[in-house]
Amino acid sequence: MISQLKSNSVIIREGKRTKVTEFDSRTGAYREVSLSLYGKNKTLKITKFIGTIPGLGLVALVVVKEKRKKTRYLVSTNIYLPALEIVKYYARRWKIEQMIKDLKQRLGFGDYQVRTAEAIQRHTALTLLSYFALILLKILQWLRNKTFSLDLSIRFLASQVRKNILVQQIKLSLKTMRVQFNQNILERYLEHLCT
């Protein structure tokens, strides 16, 4: 497990309870590293201490300092991982957090109103399938035109799907309450992307 601690957290080291902020002043223990995080080159000062957190047991505390930013305190239950690896693993979590945000805000993952386990599983599967389809469309669009960025947002892709597939291709007759749509909508859109 790798996570971030709050600045008021306490770690037990050498039998003494110590606030994690007290590790900031140990300047001799830091080493400067340059690495790419979140798509940018950054220079950080990092150090690692071993201690105990009640409920977690033996942990590695990594203190991360960056110019003009607040100090961050990362904790890992794997005490053998080097400090730099812990920082890299923690940075990778951002993509997962972004995916969860997109699932909830753009695809309705958090809006289900079902109660049975089977219905929740179906809702989860359909939401993840929708996310996968949008990612696939992003890749296909990039393969068609390399000037497109693979960093296109899910919000943009979802709006493109609504505009190009759902709104233009589905006809709704309010008098008869019939919904008509062309069954080849997605197929034609994919052909359009690939040609």
C-alpha atoms as a PDB file:
ATOM      1  CA  MET A   1       0.000   0.000   0.000  1.00  0.00           C
ATOM      2  CA  ILE A   2       1.270   3.456  -0.881  1.00  0.00           C
ATOM      3  CA  SER A   3      -0.599   6.533   0.269  1.00  0.00           C
ATOM      4  CA  GLN A   4      -0.125  10.127   1.356  1.00  0.00           C
ATOM      5  CA  LEU A   5      -0.193  11.115   5.016  1.00  0.00           C
ATOM      6  CA  LYS A   6      -1.608  14.320   6.428  1.00  0.00           C
ATOM      7  CA  SER A   7       0.907  16.710   7.951  1.00  0.00           C
ATOM      8  CA  ASN A   8      -0.467  16.096  11.450  1.00  0.00           C
ATOM      9  CA  SER A   9       0.148  12.324  11.237  1.00  0.00           C
ATOM     10  CA  VAL A  10       2.365  10.588  13.781  1.00  0.00           C
ATOM     11  CA  ILE A  11       4.910   7.832  13.219  1.00  0.00           C
ATOM     12  CA  ILE A  12       6.605   5.815  15.945  1.00  0.00           C
ATOM     13  CA  ARG A  13      10.362   5.759  15.428  1.00  0.00           C
ATOM     14  CA  GLU A  14      12.881   4.383  17.924  1.00  0.00           C
ATOM     15  CA  GLY A  15      10.061   4.032  20.482  1.00  0.00           C
ATOM     16  CA  LYS A  16       9.137   7.722  20.291  1.00  0.00           C
ATOM     17  CA  ARG A  17       5.996   9.258  18.752  1.00  0.00           C
ATOM     18  CA  THR A  18       7.092  11.818  16.173  1.00  0.00           C
ATOM     19  CA  LYS A  19       5.012  14.090  13.946  1.00  0.00           C
ATOM     20  CA  VAL A  20       5.921  13.608  10.307  1.00  0.00           C
ATOM     21  CA  THR A  21       6.593  17.357   9.979  1.00  0.00           C
ATOM     22  CA  GLU A  22       9.588  16.959  12.297  1.00  0.00           C
ATOM     23  CA  PHE A  23      11.374  14.989   9.569  1.00  0.00           C
ATOM     24  CA  ASP A  24      11.473  18.151   7.390  1.00  0.00           C
ATOM     25  CA  SER A  25      14.377  19.618   9.332  1.00  0.00           C
ATOM     26  CA  ARG A  26      16.714  16.648   8.807  1.00  0.00           C
ATOM     27  CA  THR A  27      18.414  18.233   5.800  1.00  0.00           C
ATOM     28  CA  GLY A  28      21.411  15.891   5.702  1.00  0.00           C
ATOM     29  CA  ALA A  29      19.217  12.917   4.904  1.00  0.00           C
ATOM     30  CA  TYR A  30      17.794  14.321   1.651  1.00  0.00           C
ATOM     31  CA  ARG A  31      19.033  13.581  -1.832  1.00  0.00           C
ATOM     32  CA  GLU A  32      18.098  15.517  -4.943  1.00  0.00           C
ATOM     33  CA  VAL A  33      16.568  13.601  -7.845  1.00  0.00           C
ATOM     34  CA  SER A  34      15.278  14.617 -11.273  1.00  0.00           C
ATOM     35  CA  LEU A  35      12.456  12.639 -12.818  1.00  0.00           C
ATOM     36  CA  SER A  36       9.411  12.943 -15.026  1.00  0.00           C
ATOM     37  CA  LEU A  37       6.154  13.157 -13.048  1.00  0.00           C
ATOM     38  CA  TYR A  38       2.725  13.941 -14.470  1.00  0.00           C
ATOM     39  CA  GLY A  39       4.332  14.638 -17.860  1.00  0.00           C
ATOM     40  CA  LYS A  40       6.781  17.246 -16.535  1.00  0.00           C
ATOM     41  CA  ASN A  41      10.435  17.095 -15.531  1.00  0.00           C
ATOM     42  CA  LYS A  42      10.725  17.821 -11.827  1.00  0.00           C
ATOM     43  CA  THR A  43      13.543  18.151  -9.342  1.00  0.00           C
ATOM     44  CA  LEU A  44      12.684  16.826  -5.900  1.00  0.00           C
ATOM     45  CA  LYS A  45      14.447  16.337  -2.612  1.00  0.00           C
ATOM     46  CA  ILE A  46      13.482  13.014  -1.046  1.00  0.00           C
ATOM     47  CA  THR A  47      14.387  10.973   1.982  1.00  0.00           C
ATOM     48  CA  LYS A  48      13.123   7.775   3.569  1.00  0.00           C
ATOM     49  CA  PHE A  49      12.643   6.739   7.206  1.00  0.00           C
ATOM     50  CA  ILE A  50      11.410   3.475   8.692  1.00  0.00           C
ATOM     51  CA  GLY A  51       8.911   3.550  11.532  1.00  0.00           C
ATOM     52  CA  THR A  52       5.635   2.168  12.786  1.00  0.00           C
ATOM     53  CA  ILE A  53       2.087   3.433  12.377  1.00  0.00           C
ATOM     54  CA  PRO A  54      -0.503   1.880  14.701  1.00  0.00           C
ATOM     55  CA  GLY A  55      -2.856  -0.265  12.641  1.00  0.00           C
ATOM     56  CA  LEU A  56      -0.438  -0.533   9.696  1.00  0.00           C
ATOM     57  CA  GLY A  57       2.679  -1.868  11.367  1.00  0.00           C
ATOM     58  CA  LEU A  58       6.170  -1.278  10.014  1.00  0.00           C
ATOM     59  CA  VAL A  59       6.149   1.346   7.232  1.00  0.00           C
ATOM     60  CA  ALA A  60       8.482   3.419   5.099  1.00  0.00           C
ATOM     61  CA  LEU A  61       7.927   7.169   5.347  1.00  0.00           C
ATOM     62  CA  VAL A  62       9.113   9.138   2.311  1.00  0.00           C
ATOM     63  CA  VAL A  63       9.351  12.904   2.682  1.00  0.00           C
ATOM     64  CA  VAL A  64       9.138  14.742  -0.653  1.00  0.00           C
ATOM     65  CA  LYS A  65      10.143  18.387  -1.009  1.00  0.00           C
ATOM     66  CA  GLU A  66       9.579  20.396  -4.158  1.00  0.00           C
ATOM     67  CA  LYS A  67      10.355  24.074  -4.719  1.00  0.00           C
ATOM     68  CA  ARG A  68       7.423  26.392  -3.957  1.00  0.00           C
ATOM     69  CA  LYS A  69       5.156  23.497  -2.938  1.00  0.00           C
ATOM     70  CA  LYS A  70       4.119  22.006   0.350  1.00  0.00           C
ATOM     71  CA  THR A  71       6.101  19.058   1.626  1.00  0.00           C
ATOM     72  CA  ARG A  72       4.385  15.720   0.997  1.00  0.00           C
ATOM     73  CA  TYR A  73       4.605  12.674   3.219  1.00  0.00           C
ATOM     74  CA  LEU A  74       4.180   9.319   1.512  1.00  0.00           C
ATOM     75  CA  VAL A  75       3.850   6.052   3.369  1.00  0.00           C
ATOM     76  CA  SER A  76       4.407   2.522   2.065  1.00  0.00           C
ATOM     77  CA  THR A  77       3.894  -0.826   3.744  1.00  0.00           C
ATOM     78  CA  ASN A  78       6.720  -2.213   1.589  1.00  0.00           C
ATOM     79  CA  ILE A  79       9.741  -0.981   3.547  1.00  0.00           C
ATOM     80  CA  TYR A  80      12.191  -2.454   1.017  1.00  0.00           C
ATOM     81  CA  LEU A  81      11.112  -0.232  -1.897  1.00  0.00           C
ATOM     82  CA  PRO A  82      13.558   2.605  -2.588  1.00  0.00           C
ATOM     83  CA  ALA A  83      12.228   6.116  -1.901  1.00  0.00           C
ATOM     84  CA  LEU A  84      12.321   7.030  -5.584  1.00  0.00           C
ATOM     85  CA  GLU A  85      10.201   3.999  -6.522  1.00  0.00           C
ATOM     86  CA  ILE A  86       7.611   4.901  -3.882  1.00  0.00           C
ATOM     87  CA  VAL A  87       7.349   8.407  -5.374  1.00  0.00           C
ATOM     88  CA  LYS A  88       6.953   6.968  -8.896  1.00  0.00           C
ATOM     89  CA  TYR A  89       4.278   4.483  -7.810  1.00  0.00           C
ATOM     90  CA  TYR A  90       2.375   7.214  -6.005  1.00  0.00           C
ATOM     91  CA  ALA A  91       2.483   9.446  -9.115  1.00  0.00           C
ATOM     92  CA  ARG A  92       0.940   6.661 -11.228  1.00  0.00           C
ATOM     93  CA  ARG A  93      -2.142   6.741  -9.019  1.00  0.00           C
ATOM     94  CA  TRP A  94      -3.161  10.042 -10.625  1.00  0.00           C
ATOM     95  CA  LYS A  95      -4.337   8.288 -13.802  1.00  0.00           C
ATOM     96  CA  ILE A  96      -6.501   5.960 -11.730  1.00  0.00           C
ATOM     97  CA  GLU A  97      -7.993   8.902  -9.812  1.00  0.00           C
ATOM     98  CA  GLN A  98      -8.702  10.671 -13.110  1.00  0.00           C
ATOM     99  CA  MET A  99     -10.395   7.565 -14.505  1.00  0.00           C
ATOM    100  CA  ILE A 100     -12.656   7.284 -11.448  1.00  0.00           C
ATOM    101  CA  LYS A 101     -13.549  10.982 -11.738  1.00  0.00           C
ATOM    102  CA  ASP A 102     -14.440  10.514 -15.430  1.00  0.00           C
ATOM    103  CA  LEU A 103     -16.502   7.415 -14.650  1.00  0.00           C
ATOM    104  CA  LYS A 104     -18.475   9.271 -11.992  1.00  0.00           C
ATOM    105  CA  GLN A 105     -18.867  12.681 -13.617  1.00  0.00           C
ATOM    106  CA  ARG A 106     -19.109  11.823 -17.312  1.00  0.00           C
ATOM    107  CA  LEU A 107     -20.500   8.288 -17.477  1.00  0.00           C
ATOM    108  CA  GLY A 108     -22.856   8.051 -14.495  1.00  0.00           C
ATOM    109  CA  PHE A 109     -20.923   5.499 -12.448  1.00  0.00           C
ATOM    110  CA  GLY A 110     -21.967   7.083  -9.154  1.00  0.00           C
ATOM    111  CA  ASP A 111     -25.580   7.676 -10.186  1.00  0.00           C
ATOM    112  CA  TYR A 112     -26.971   4.172 -10.131  1.00  0.00           C
ATOM    113  CA  GLN A 113     -30.246   3.678  -8.281  1.00  0.00           C
ATOM    114  CA  VAL A 114     -30.354  -0.073  -8.129  1.00  0.00           C
ATOM    115  CA  ARG A 115     -30.173  -2.246  -5.049  1.00  0.00           C
ATOM    116  CA  THR A 116     -29.493  -5.815  -6.079  1.00  0.00           C
ATOM    117  CA  ALA A 117     -25.947  -7.078  -6.457  1.00  0.00           C
ATOM    118  CA  GLU A 118     -26.662  -8.293  -9.986  1.00  0.00           C
ATOM    119  CA  ALA A 119     -27.982  -4.878 -11.077  1.00  0.00           C
ATOM    120  CA  ILE A 120     -24.965  -3.109  -9.531  1.00  0.00           C
ATOM    121  CA  GLN A 121     -22.611  -5.486 -11.369  1.00  0.00           C
ATOM    122  CA  ARG A 122     -24.412  -4.816 -14.656  1.00  0.00           C
ATOM    123  CA  HIS A 123     -24.275  -1.059 -14.118  1.00  0.00           C
ATOM    124  CA  THR A 124     -20.558  -1.246 -13.296  1.00  0.00           C
ATOM    125  CA  ALA A 125     -19.861  -3.430 -16.352  1.00  0.00           C
ATOM    126  CA  LEU A 126     -21.779  -1.089 -18.692  1.00  0.00           C
ATOM    127  CA  THR A 127     -20.043   1.992 -17.300  1.00  0.00           C
ATOM    128  CA  LEU A 128     -16.600   0.417 -17.711  1.00  0.00           C
ATOM    129  CA  LEU A 129     -17.538  -0.773 -21.198  1.00  0.00           C
ATOM    130  CA  SER A 130     -18.566   2.790 -22.103  1.00  0.00           C
ATOM    131  CA  TYR A 131     -15.237   4.077 -20.783  1.00  0.00           C
ATOM    132  CA  PHE A 132     -13.382   1.443 -22.798  1.00  0.00           C
ATOM    133  CA  ALA A 133     -15.332   2.394 -25.950  1.00  0.00           C
ATOM    134  CA  LEU A 134     -14.385   6.064 -25.489  1.00  0.00           C
ATOM    135  CA  ILE A 135     -10.725   5.149 -24.999  1.00  0.00           C
ATOM    136  CA  LEU A 136     -10.900   2.988 -28.123  1.00  0.00           C
ATOM    137  CA  LEU A 137     -12.397   5.907 -30.061  1.00  0.00           C
ATOM    138  CA  LYS A 138      -9.578   8.116 -28.773  1.00  0.00           C
ATOM    139  CA  ILE A 139      -6.973   5.647 -30.038  1.00  0.00           C
ATOM    140  CA  LEU A 140      -8.720   5.222 -33.402  1.00  0.00           C
ATOM    141  CA  GLN A 141      -8.943   8.993 -33.816  1.00  0.00           C
ATOM    142  CA  TRP A 142      -5.234   9.306 -33.015  1.00  0.00           C
ATOM    143  CA  LEU A 143      -4.356   6.534 -35.487  1.00  0.00           C
ATOM    144  CA  ARG A 144      -6.339   8.358 -38.175  1.00  0.00           C
ATOM    145  CA  ASN A 145      -4.781  11.747 -37.468  1.00  0.00           C
ATOM    146  CA  LYS A 146      -1.563  11.841 -35.435  1.00  0.00           C
ATOM    147  CA  THR A 147      -2.008  15.570 -34.751  1.00  0.00           C
ATOM    148  CA  PHE A 148      -4.750  14.646 -32.288  1.00  0.00           C
ATOM    149  CA  SER A 149      -3.478  14.273 -28.780  1.00  0.00           C
ATOM    150  CA  LEU A 150      -3.942  11.057 -26.868  1.00  0.00           C
ATOM    151  CA  ASP A 151      -4.603  13.330 -23.893  1.00  0.00           C
ATOM    152  CA  LEU A 152      -8.073  14.223 -25.192  1.00  0.00           C
ATOM    153  CA  SER A 153     -10.433  14.354 -22.253  1.00  0.00           C
ATOM    154  CA  ILE A 154     -13.228  11.854 -21.718  1.00  0.00           C
ATOM    155  CA  ARG A 155     -15.570  14.851 -21.462  1.00  0.00           C
ATOM    156  CA  PHE A 156     -14.645  15.922 -25.012  1.00  0.00           C
ATOM    157  CA  LEU A 157     -14.944  12.384 -26.369  1.00  0.00           C
ATOM    158  CA  ALA A 158     -18.317  11.828 -24.682  1.00  0.00           C
ATOM    159  CA  SER A 159     -19.633  15.093 -26.166  1.00  0.00           C
ATOM    160  CA  GLN A 160     -18.349  14.060 -29.620  1.00  0.00           C
ATOM    161  CA  VAL A 161     -20.133  10.711 -29.348  1.00  0.00           C
ATOM    162  CA  ARG A 162     -23.342  12.446 -28.259  1.00  0.00           C
ATOM    163  CA  LYS A 163     -23.086  14.972 -31.095  1.00  0.00           C
ATOM    164  CA  ASN A 164     -21.980  12.666 -33.906  1.00  0.00           C
ATOM    165  CA  ILE A 165     -23.740   9.453 -33.007  1.00  0.00           C
ATOM    166  CA  LEU A 166     -26.649   9.912 -30.658  1.00  0.00           C
ATOM    167  CA  VAL A 167     -28.085  13.338 -31.522  1.00  0.00           C
ATOM    168  CA  GLN A 168     -27.701  13.155 -35.298  1.00  0.00           C
ATOM    169  CA  GLN A 169     -28.699   9.539 -35.794  1.00  0.00           C
ATOM    170  CA  ILE A 170     -31.595   8.871 -33.386  1.00  0.00           C
ATOM    171  CA  LYS A 171     -35.120   9.996 -34.256  1.00  0.00           C
ATOM    172  CA  LEU A 172     -37.757  10.266 -31.550  1.00  0.00           C
ATOM    173  CA  SER A 173     -41.433  10.487 -32.348  1.00  0.00           C
ATOM    174  CA  LEU A 174     -43.207  11.956 -29.328  1.00  0.00           C
ATOM    175  CA  LYS A 175     -46.684  11.214 -30.677  1.00  0.00           C
ATOM    176  CA  THR A 176     -46.156   7.480 -30.899  1.00  0.00           C
ATOM    177  CA  MET A 177     -43.310   7.276 -28.332  1.00  0.00           C
ATOM    178  CA  ARG A 178     -41.237   5.304 -30.808  1.00  0.00           C
ATOM    179  CA  VAL A 179     -37.494   5.555 -30.962  1.00  0.00           C
ATOM    180  CA  GLN A 180     -35.930   4.787 -34.318  1.00  0.00           C
ATOM    181  CA  PHE A 181     -32.246   4.582 -34.979  1.00  0.00           C
ATOM    182  CA  ASN A 182     -29.943   3.200 -37.555  1.00  0.00           C
ATOM    183  CA  GLN A 183     -28.329   0.041 -36.219  1.00  0.00           C
ATOM    184  CA  ASN A 184     -25.044   0.787 -37.976  1.00  0.00           C
ATOM    185  CA  ILE A 185     -24.404   4.095 -36.172  1.00  0.00           C
ATOM    186  CA  LEU A 186     -21.231   3.087 -34.372  1.00  0.00           C
ATOM    187  CA  GLU A 187     -19.992   1.107 -37.346  1.00  0.00           C
ATOM    188  CA  ARG A 188     -20.364   4.139 -39.652  1.00  0.00           C
ATOM    189  CA  TYR A 189     -18.686   6.403 -37.107  1.00  0.00           C
ATOM    190  CA  LEU A 190     -15.741   4.008 -36.811  1.00  0.00           C
ATOM    191  CA  GLU A 191     -15.510   3.822 -40.609  1.00  0.00           C
ATOM    192  CA  HIS A 192     -15.497   7.632 -40.696  1.00  0.00           C
ATOM    193  CA  LEU A 193     -12.654   7.689 -38.167  1.00  0.00           C
ATOM    194  CA  CYS A 194     -10.607   5.087 -39.989  1.00  0.00           C
ATOM    195  CA  THR A 195     -10.931   6.493 -43.511  1.00  0.00           C
END
